[in-house]
Structure formats: structure tokens, C-alpha cells
């Protein structure tokens, strides 16, 4: 899983039929302290996340498809949780 922050949404008027009705969000991977890491990714929202939310992202095709409830859909990433807090020891 990847910790990330939602930075925006993506609107697609034409997309694969298995993705119809899906909310697509742009997610910037972040470290535990909130620092940006890597390149932003596109993820299907499965938990009604919004811009600015910290989220957990599953980034395996089959896992993302299963979590989204859309088996065999062409997904690379799905948001599976909105993170309330990160505690470091």
C-alpha cells in the first residue's frame, strides 16, 4: 500500500465501460511526515475521498480491481482508505 494525498480529480468523458461511474482522483505519494515522494498517480476512489485527504492506495492491478468491486477492470490503483492520523514512534 502507498500513503498519498489527493491533489485533484480527473474527468474523462470517454473511458472503458467497466470504469463508468467511477470517480478518478490524482494522488501524490507522500512519506509519513507528509513530504512528496515519486510521481503522482491516477486512482479510482472507493471511499469517497476528496482533495487534500490523506489516503491509502493499493497499486496492484488485480488487487485494485477486487477492492473497487469491478473484477477484471483495467485498474492500476484504487483508494481503499482515508487516513485520519499517522503516528510515528
Protein backbone atom coordinates (compact mmCIF):
# COMPACT_ATOMS: atom_id res chain seq x y z
CA UNK A 1 0.00 0.00 0.00
CA UNK A 2 1.02 3.57 -0.62
CA UNK A 3 0.33 6.60 1.54
CA UNK A 4 -0.72 9.58 -0.55
CA UNK A 5 -2.53 12.92 -0.69
CA UNK A 6 -5.36 13.63 -3.13
CA UNK A 7 -4.32 16.62 -5.22
CA UNK A 8 -7.17 16.77 -7.72
CA UNK A 9 -9.75 14.95 -9.77
CA UNK A 10 -9.78 13.74 -13.36
CA UNK A 11 -12.80 13.93 -15.65
CA UNK A 12 -12.97 11.50 -18.56
CA UNK A 13 -15.94 11.67 -20.89
CA UNK A 14 -14.86 8.50 -22.68
CA UNK A 15 -13.46 5.56 -20.73
CA UNK A 16 -13.55 1.77 -20.52
CA UNK A 17 -17.08 0.55 -19.83
CA UNK A 18 -16.02 -1.12 -16.56
CA UNK A 19 -14.93 2.28 -15.25
CA UNK A 20 -18.21 4.06 -15.97
CA UNK A 21 -19.47 5.77 -12.85
CA UNK A 22 -16.07 5.64 -11.15
CA UNK A 23 -14.58 8.73 -9.54
CA UNK A 24 -10.97 9.21 -10.68
CA UNK A 25 -8.55 11.09 -8.42
CA UNK A 26 -4.97 12.28 -8.79
CA UNK A 27 -2.85 11.15 -5.83
CA UNK A 28 0.64 12.33 -4.87
CA UNK A 29 2.55 9.64 -2.94
CA UNK A 30 3.85 11.01 0.38
CA UNK A 31 6.08 9.90 3.22
CA UNK A 32 4.93 9.53 6.85
CA UNK A 33 5.81 13.18 7.50
CA UNK A 34 3.75 14.34 4.51
CA UNK A 35 6.67 15.01 2.13
CA UNK A 36 6.02 14.31 -1.57
CA UNK A 37 7.65 11.16 -2.94
CA UNK A 38 7.68 10.00 -6.54
CA UNK A 39 5.29 10.92 -9.31
CA UNK A 40 1.53 11.46 -8.96
CA UNK A 41 -0.76 8.57 -9.91
CA UNK A 42 -4.33 8.17 -11.05
CA UNK A 43 -6.53 6.07 -8.76
CA UNK A 44 -10.17 5.01 -8.63
CA UNK A 45 -11.83 6.29 -5.46
CA UNK A 46 -13.50 3.56 -3.42
CA UNK A 47 -14.08 5.53 -0.19
CA UNK A 48 -15.41 8.97 -1.21
CA UNK A 49 -12.09 10.76 -0.68
CA UNK A 50 -11.68 14.41 -1.57
CA UNK A 51 -8.98 16.90 -2.46
CA UNK A 52 -6.46 17.31 0.37
CA UNK A 53 -7.29 13.96 2.04
CA UNK A 54 -4.51 11.59 3.05
CA UNK A 55 -5.33 8.18 1.61
CA UNK A 56 -4.08 4.62 1.31
CA UNK A 57 -3.73 3.36 -2.24
CA UNK A 58 -3.49 -0.24 -3.45
CA UNK A 59 -1.33 -0.29 -6.56
CA UNK A 60 -1.60 -3.80 -7.89
CA UNK A 61 -3.89 -4.35 -10.88
CA UNK A 62 -5.76 -7.41 -9.59
CA UNK A 63 -5.98 -6.07 -6.02
CA UNK A 64 -7.20 -2.67 -7.25
CA UNK A 65 -9.87 -4.35 -9.37
CA UNK A 66 -11.05 -6.53 -6.48
CA UNK A 67 -11.16 -3.65 -4.00
CA UNK A 68 -13.11 -1.44 -6.39
CA UNK A 69 -15.71 -4.17 -6.86
CA UNK A 70 -15.09 -4.17 -10.60
CA UNK A 71 -13.46 -7.51 -11.32
CA UNK A 72 -11.23 -7.68 -14.38
CA UNK A 73 -11.37 -3.92 -14.93
CA UNK A 74 -8.26 -2.15 -16.28
CA UNK A 75 -7.13 -0.62 -12.96
CA UNK A 76 -3.63 0.03 -11.68
CA UNK A 77 -4.55 1.79 -8.43
CA UNK A 78 -7.52 2.15 -6.07
CA UNK A 79 -8.02 4.29 -2.97
CA UNK A 80 -9.00 1.99 -0.11
CA UNK A 81 -8.94 4.26 2.97
CA UNK A 82 -8.94 7.87 4.13
CA UNK A 83 -6.17 8.25 6.73
CA UNK A 84 -7.11 10.17 9.88
CA UNK A 85 -3.68 10.11 11.53
CA UNK A 86 -0.16 8.79 11.13
CA UNK A 87 1.64 8.02 14.38
CA UNK A 88 5.41 7.70 14.42
CA UNK A 89 7.42 6.37 17.35
